[in-house]
Amino acid sequence: MKIIDARGRGCPEPVLMTKKALKDHDSFEVIVNEHVAKENIFRLLNKTGKNFHVTKENNEFKITIEK
């Protein structure tokens, strides 16, 4: 599975990275360590109607986007 590592990236970069990955991949994972980035990615995914789930490990959020 493709992994997008957006840890330490300032907004809007994590959202832009996710948006690009949506065009190129059906399923992938995005890793962020900022709450704001997570929320902005959630808004993008909800607008596109993609299925996703999130897990939190330590101070990182792993957002898995599925077909």
PDB file of N, CA and C in Angstrom:
ATOM      1  N   MET A   1       0.847  -1.177   0.000  1.00  0.00           N
ATOM      2  CA  MET A   1       0.000   0.000   0.000  1.00  0.00           C
ATOM      3  C   MET A   1       0.896   1.245   0.000  1.00  0.00           C
ATOM      4  N   LYS A   2       0.514   2.219  -0.780  1.00  0.00           N
ATOM      5  CA  LYS A   2       1.237   3.486  -0.863  1.00  0.00           C
ATOM      6  C   LYS A   2       1.113   4.229   0.468  1.00  0.00           C
ATOM      7  N   ILE A   3       2.216   4.803   0.951  1.00  0.00           N
ATOM      8  CA  ILE A   3       2.213   5.574   2.193  1.00  0.00           C
ATOM      9  C   ILE A   3       2.655   6.999   1.885  1.00  0.00           C
ATOM     10  N   ILE A   4       1.840   7.959   2.291  1.00  0.00           N
ATOM     11  CA  ILE A   4       2.150   9.373   2.144  1.00  0.00           C
ATOM     12  C   ILE A   4       2.583   9.864   3.521  1.00  0.00           C
ATOM     13  N   ASP A   5       3.835  10.236   3.660  1.00  0.00           N
ATOM     14  CA  ASP A   5       4.365  10.705   4.939  1.00  0.00           C
ATOM     15  C   ASP A   5       4.328  12.228   4.954  1.00  0.00           C
ATOM     16  N   ALA A   6       3.340  12.777   5.644  1.00  0.00           N
ATOM     17  CA  ALA A   6       3.171  14.227   5.714  1.00  0.00           C
ATOM     18  C   ALA A   6       3.502  14.758   7.113  1.00  0.00           C
ATOM     19  N   ARG A   7       4.224  13.970   7.886  1.00  0.00           N
ATOM     20  CA  ARG A   7       4.612  14.414   9.228  1.00  0.00           C
ATOM     21  C   ARG A   7       5.503  15.641   9.126  1.00  0.00           C
ATOM     22  N   GLY A   8       5.214  16.609   9.980  1.00  0.00           N
ATOM     23  CA  GLY A   8       6.023  17.826  10.029  1.00  0.00           C
ATOM     24  C   GLY A   8       5.756  18.815   8.915  1.00  0.00           C
ATOM     25  N   ARG A   9       4.814  18.518   8.053  1.00  0.00           N
ATOM     26  CA  ARG A   9       4.492  19.415   6.939  1.00  0.00           C
ATOM     27  C   ARG A   9       3.417  20.403   7.379  1.00  0.00           C
ATOM     28  N   GLY A  10       3.595  21.646   7.015  1.00  0.00           N
ATOM     29  CA  GLY A  10       2.612  22.678   7.342  1.00  0.00           C
ATOM     30  C   GLY A  10       1.475  22.693   6.351  1.00  0.00           C
ATOM     31  N   CYS A  11       0.335  23.149   6.819  1.00  0.00           N
ATOM     32  CA  CYS A  11      -0.833  23.256   5.939  1.00  0.00           C
ATOM     33  C   CYS A  11      -0.548  24.332   4.910  1.00  0.00           C
ATOM     34  N   PRO A  12      -0.999  24.122   3.710  1.00  0.00           N
ATOM     35  CA  PRO A  12      -1.922  23.102   3.217  1.00  0.00           C
ATOM     36  C   PRO A  12      -1.234  21.889   2.611  1.00  0.00           C
ATOM     37  N   GLU A  13       0.062  21.736   2.788  1.00  0.00           N
ATOM     38  CA  GLU A  13       0.804  20.679   2.103  1.00  0.00           C
ATOM     39  C   GLU A  13       0.242  19.270   2.325  1.00  0.00           C
ATOM     40  N   PRO A  14      -0.110  18.842   3.561  1.00  0.00           N
ATOM     41  CA  PRO A  14      -0.666  17.489   3.726  1.00  0.00           C
ATOM     42  C   PRO A  14      -1.955  17.268   2.914  1.00  0.00           C
ATOM     43  N   VAL A  15      -2.786  18.302   2.835  1.00  0.00           N
ATOM     44  CA  VAL A  15      -4.025  18.189   2.059  1.00  0.00           C
ATOM     45  C   VAL A  15      -3.707  18.077   0.572  1.00  0.00           C
ATOM     46  N   LEU A  16      -2.753  18.863   0.110  1.00  0.00           N
ATOM     47  CA  LEU A  16      -2.373  18.809  -1.305  1.00  0.00           C
ATOM     48  C   LEU A  16      -1.750  17.461  -1.656  1.00  0.00           C
ATOM     49  N   MET A  17      -0.946  16.926  -0.744  1.00  0.00           N
ATOM     50  CA  MET A  17      -0.347  15.607  -0.965  1.00  0.00           C
ATOM     51  C   MET A  17      -1.438  14.539  -1.040  1.00  0.00           C
ATOM     52  N   THR A  18      -2.438  14.649  -0.171  1.00  0.00           N
ATOM     53  CA  THR A  18      -3.550  13.696  -0.161  1.00  0.00           C
ATOM     54  C   THR A  18      -4.376  13.815  -1.430  1.00  0.00           C
ATOM     55  N   LYS A  19      -4.638  15.044  -1.835  1.00  0.00           N
ATOM     56  CA  LYS A  19      -5.432  15.285  -3.052  1.00  0.00           C
ATOM     57  C   LYS A  19      -4.745  14.675  -4.278  1.00  0.00           C
ATOM     58  N   LYS A  20      -3.433  14.841  -4.374  1.00  0.00           N
ATOM     59  CA  LYS A  20      -2.682  14.253  -5.484  1.00  0.00           C
ATOM     60  C   LYS A  20      -2.749  12.731  -5.440  1.00  0.00           C
ATOM     61  N   ALA A  21      -2.608  12.159  -4.246  1.00  0.00           N
ATOM     62  CA  ALA A  21      -2.659  10.701  -4.094  1.00  0.00           C
ATOM     63  C   ALA A  21      -4.032  10.157  -4.472  1.00  0.00           C
ATOM     64  N   LEU A  22      -5.084  10.921  -4.221  1.00  0.00           N
ATOM     65  CA  LEU A  22      -6.438  10.478  -4.591  1.00  0.00           C
ATOM     66  C   LEU A  22      -6.548  10.279  -6.102  1.00  0.00           C
ATOM     67  N   LYS A  23      -5.828  11.081  -6.870  1.00  0.00           N
ATOM     68  CA  LYS A  23      -5.857  10.960  -8.327  1.00  0.00           C
ATOM     69  C   LYS A  23      -5.063   9.752  -8.811  1.00  0.00           C
ATOM     70  N   ASP A  24      -4.014   9.399  -8.061  1.00  0.00           N
ATOM     71  CA  ASP A  24      -3.081   8.371  -8.518  1.00  0.00           C
ATOM     72  C   ASP A  24      -3.302   6.976  -7.934  1.00  0.00           C
ATOM     73  N   HIS A  25      -4.025   6.884  -6.811  1.00  0.00           N
ATOM     74  CA  HIS A  25      -4.156   5.601  -6.113  1.00  0.00           C
ATOM     75  C   HIS A  25      -5.587   5.390  -5.614  1.00  0.00           C
ATOM     76  N   ASP A  26      -6.021   4.125  -5.615  1.00  0.00           N
ATOM     77  CA  ASP A  26      -7.332   3.792  -5.059  1.00  0.00           C
ATOM     78  C   ASP A  26      -7.273   3.666  -3.541  1.00  0.00           C
ATOM     79  N   SER A  27      -6.189   3.093  -3.043  1.00  0.00           N
ATOM     80  CA  SER A  27      -6.016   2.877  -1.610  1.00  0.00           C
ATOM     81  C   SER A  27      -4.624   3.338  -1.203  1.00  0.00           C
ATOM     82  N   PHE A  28      -4.551   4.036  -0.084  1.00  0.00           N
ATOM     83  CA  PHE A  28      -3.258   4.492   0.426  1.00  0.00           C
ATOM     84  C   PHE A  28      -3.414   4.935   1.875  1.00  0.00           C
ATOM     85  N   GLU A  29      -2.290   5.259   2.489  1.00  0.00           N
ATOM     86  CA  GLU A  29      -2.279   5.695   3.880  1.00  0.00           C
ATOM     87  C   GLU A  29      -1.543   7.022   3.971  1.00  0.00           C
ATOM     88  N   VAL A  30      -2.095   7.930   4.780  1.00  0.00           N
ATOM     89  CA  VAL A  30      -1.460   9.219   5.026  1.00  0.00           C
ATOM     90  C   VAL A  30      -1.093   9.274   6.505  1.00  0.00           C
ATOM     91  N   ILE A  31       0.135   9.666   6.785  1.00  0.00           N
ATOM     92  CA  ILE A  31       0.583   9.806   8.172  1.00  0.00           C
ATOM     93  C   ILE A  31       0.833  11.285   8.443  1.00  0.00           C
ATOM     94  N   VAL A  32       0.173  11.808   9.473  1.00  0.00           N
ATOM     95  CA  VAL A  32       0.370  13.194   9.902  1.00  0.00           C
ATOM     96  C   VAL A  32       0.569  13.219  11.408  1.00  0.00           C
ATOM     97  N   ASN A  33       1.174  14.278  11.890  1.00  0.00           N
ATOM     98  CA  ASN A  33       1.347  14.410  13.335  1.00  0.00           C
ATOM     99  C   ASN A  33       0.778  15.720  13.861  1.00  0.00           C
ATOM    100  N   GLU A  34      -0.042  16.359  13.061  1.00  0.00           N
ATOM    101  CA  GLU A  34      -0.701  17.599  13.454  1.00  0.00           C
ATOM    102  C   GLU A  34      -2.215  17.417  13.399  1.00  0.00           C
ATOM    103  N   HIS A  35      -2.877  17.837  14.468  1.00  0.00           N
ATOM    104  CA  HIS A  35      -4.338  17.707  14.550  1.00  0.00           C
ATOM    105  C   HIS A  35      -5.028  18.491  13.425  1.00  0.00           C
ATOM    106  N   VAL A  36      -4.535  19.688  13.142  1.00  0.00           N
ATOM    107  CA  VAL A  36      -5.144  20.524  12.096  1.00  0.00           C
ATOM    108  C   VAL A  36      -5.044  19.837  10.738  1.00  0.00           C
ATOM    109  N   ALA A  37      -3.893  19.255  10.441  1.00  0.00           N
ATOM    110  CA  ALA A  37      -3.727  18.544   9.167  1.00  0.00           C
ATOM    111  C   ALA A  37      -4.708  17.385   9.079  1.00  0.00           C
ATOM    112  N   LYS A  38      -4.866  16.646  10.178  1.00  0.00           N
ATOM    113  CA  LYS A  38      -5.810  15.523  10.204  1.00  0.00           C
ATOM    114  C   LYS A  38      -7.219  16.010   9.902  1.00  0.00           C
ATOM    115  N   GLU A  39      -7.641  17.063  10.553  1.00  0.00           N
ATOM    116  CA  GLU A  39      -9.003  17.586  10.353  1.00  0.00           C
ATOM    117  C   GLU A  39      -9.207  18.084   8.927  1.00  0.00           C
ATOM    118  N   ASN A  40      -8.215  18.747   8.372  1.00  0.00           N
ATOM    119  CA  ASN A  40      -8.330  19.233   6.990  1.00  0.00           C
ATOM    120  C   ASN A  40      -8.404  18.078   5.995  1.00  0.00           C
ATOM    121  N   ILE A  41      -7.646  17.023   6.233  1.00  0.00           N
ATOM    122  CA  ILE A  41      -7.713  15.841   5.369  1.00  0.00           C
ATOM    123  C   ILE A  41      -9.082  15.179   5.508  1.00  0.00           C
ATOM    124  N   PHE A  42      -9.623  15.125   6.734  1.00  0.00           N
ATOM    125  CA  PHE A  42     -10.969  14.577   6.933  1.00  0.00           C
ATOM    126  C   PHE A  42     -11.981  15.344   6.092  1.00  0.00           C
ATOM    127  N   ARG A  43     -11.902  16.666   6.090  1.00  0.00           N
ATOM    128  CA  ARG A  43     -12.843  17.478   5.304  1.00  0.00           C
ATOM    129  C   ARG A  43     -12.733  17.151   3.816  1.00  0.00           C
ATOM    130  N   LEU A  44     -11.506  17.037   3.317  1.00  0.00           N
ATOM    131  CA  LEU A  44     -11.300  16.686   1.910  1.00  0.00           C
ATOM    132  C   LEU A  44     -11.914  15.326   1.595  1.00  0.00           C
ATOM    133  N   LEU A  45     -11.638  14.337   2.432  1.00  0.00           N
ATOM    134  CA  LEU A  45     -12.135  12.984   2.177  1.00  0.00           C
ATOM    135  C   LEU A  45     -13.652  12.910   2.268  1.00  0.00           C
ATOM    136  N   ASN A  46     -14.244  13.637   3.197  1.00  0.00           N
ATOM    137  CA  ASN A  46     -15.704  13.660   3.302  1.00  0.00           C
ATOM    138  C   ASN A  46     -16.340  14.288   2.069  1.00  0.00           C
ATOM    139  N   LYS A  47     -15.701  15.340   1.529  1.00  0.00           N
ATOM    140  CA  LYS A  47     -16.211  15.982   0.308  1.00  0.00           C
ATOM    141  C   LYS A  47     -16.141  15.054  -0.892  1.00  0.00           C
ATOM    142  N   THR A  48     -15.114  14.211  -0.938  1.00  0.00           N
ATOM    143  CA  THR A  48     -14.938  13.317  -2.087  1.00  0.00           C
ATOM    144  C   THR A  48     -15.713  12.015  -1.921  1.00  0.00           C
ATOM    145  N   GLY A  49     -16.236  11.768  -0.719  1.00  0.00           N
ATOM    146  CA  GLY A  49     -17.012  10.554  -0.479  1.00  0.00           C
ATOM    147  C   GLY A  49     -16.168   9.301  -0.317  1.00  0.00           C
ATOM    148  N   LYS A  50     -14.889   9.455  -0.046  1.00  0.00           N
ATOM    149  CA  LYS A  50     -14.000   8.301   0.118  1.00  0.00           C
ATOM    150  C   LYS A  50     -14.215   7.633   1.471  1.00  0.00           C
ATOM    151  N   ASN A  51     -14.060   6.315   1.490  1.00  0.00           N
ATOM    152  CA  ASN A  51     -14.083   5.560   2.741  1.00  0.00           C
ATOM    153  C   ASN A  51     -12.712   5.650   3.378  1.00  0.00           C
ATOM    154  N   PHE A  52     -12.684   5.938   4.670  1.00  0.00           N
ATOM    155  CA  PHE A  52     -11.404   6.026   5.358  1.00  0.00           C
ATOM    156  C   PHE A  52     -11.590   5.724   6.834  1.00  0.00           C
ATOM    157  N   HIS A  53     -10.497   5.376   7.486  1.00  0.00           N
ATOM    158  CA  HIS A  53     -10.496   5.253   8.937  1.00  0.00           C
ATOM    159  C   HIS A  53      -9.155   5.734   9.457  1.00  0.00           C
ATOM    160  N   VAL A  54      -9.142   6.084  10.736  1.00  0.00           N
ATOM    161  CA  VAL A  54      -7.938   6.662  11.322  1.00  0.00           C
ATOM    162  C   VAL A  54      -7.548   5.893  12.578  1.00  0.00           C
ATOM    163  N   THR A  55      -6.258   5.742  12.759  1.00  0.00           N
ATOM    164  CA  THR A  55      -5.734   5.188  14.001  1.00  0.00           C
ATOM    165  C   THR A  55      -4.715   6.193  14.533  1.00  0.00           C
ATOM    166  N   LYS A  56      -4.606   6.215  15.852  1.00  0.00           N
ATOM    167  CA  LYS A  56      -3.650   7.114  16.477  1.00  0.00           C
ATOM    168  C   LYS A  56      -2.627   6.284  17.229  1.00  0.00           C
ATOM    169  N   GLU A  57      -1.367   6.529  16.944  1.00  0.00           N
ATOM    170  CA  GLU A  57      -0.265   5.875  17.635  1.00  0.00           C
ATOM    171  C   GLU A  57       0.685   6.958  18.094  1.00  0.00           C
ATOM    172  N   ASN A  58       0.911   7.010  19.390  1.00  0.00           N
ATOM    173  CA  ASN A  58       1.744   8.068  19.970  1.00  0.00           C
ATOM    174  C   ASN A  58       1.167   9.412  19.557  1.00  0.00           C
ATOM    175  N   ASN A  59       1.913  10.240  18.875  1.00  0.00           N
ATOM    176  CA  ASN A  59       1.419  11.550  18.442  1.00  0.00           C
ATOM    177  C   ASN A  59       1.176  11.608  16.941  1.00  0.00           C
ATOM    178  N   GLU A  60       0.968  10.442  16.342  1.00  0.00           N
ATOM    179  CA  GLU A  60       0.762  10.375  14.902  1.00  0.00           C
ATOM    180  C   GLU A  60      -0.614   9.811  14.571  1.00  0.00           C
ATOM    181  N   PHE A  61      -1.186  10.319  13.491  1.00  0.00           N
ATOM    182  CA  PHE A  61      -2.462   9.829  12.979  1.00  0.00           C
ATOM    183  C   PHE A  61      -2.192   9.135  11.663  1.00  0.00           C
ATOM    184  N   LYS A  62      -2.696   7.910  11.527  1.00  0.00           N
ATOM    185  CA  LYS A  62      -2.594   7.174  10.277  1.00  0.00           C
ATOM    186  C   LYS A  62      -4.000   7.104   9.678  1.00  0.00           C
ATOM    187  N   ILE A  63      -4.144   7.723   8.547  1.00  0.00           N
ATOM    188  CA  ILE A  63      -5.432   7.787   7.866  1.00  0.00           C
ATOM    189  C   ILE A  63      -5.354   6.832   6.673  1.00  0.00           C
ATOM    190  N   THR A  64      -6.184   5.803   6.711  1.00  0.00           N
ATOM    191  CA  THR A  64      -6.186   4.797   5.652  1.00  0.00           C
ATOM    192  C   THR A  64      -7.380   5.065   4.742  1.00  0.00           C
ATOM    193  N   ILE A  65      -7.101   5.307   3.477  1.00  0.00           N
ATOM    194  CA  ILE A  65      -8.142   5.579   2.480  1.00  0.00           C
ATOM    195  C   ILE A  65      -8.303   4.307   1.664  1.00  0.00           C
ATOM    196  N   GLU A  66      -9.562   3.885   1.526  1.00  0.00           N
ATOM    197  CA  GLU A  66      -9.861   2.647   0.817  1.00  0.00           C
ATOM    198  C   GLU A  66     -10.723   2.917  -0.385  1.00  0.00           C
ATOM    199  N   LYS A  67     -10.708   2.001  -1.324  1.00  0.00           N
ATOM    200  CA  LYS A  67     -11.532   2.060  -2.538  1.00  0.00           C
ATOM    201  C   LYS A  67     -12.964   2.352  -2.216  1.00  0.00           C
TER     202      LYS A  67
END
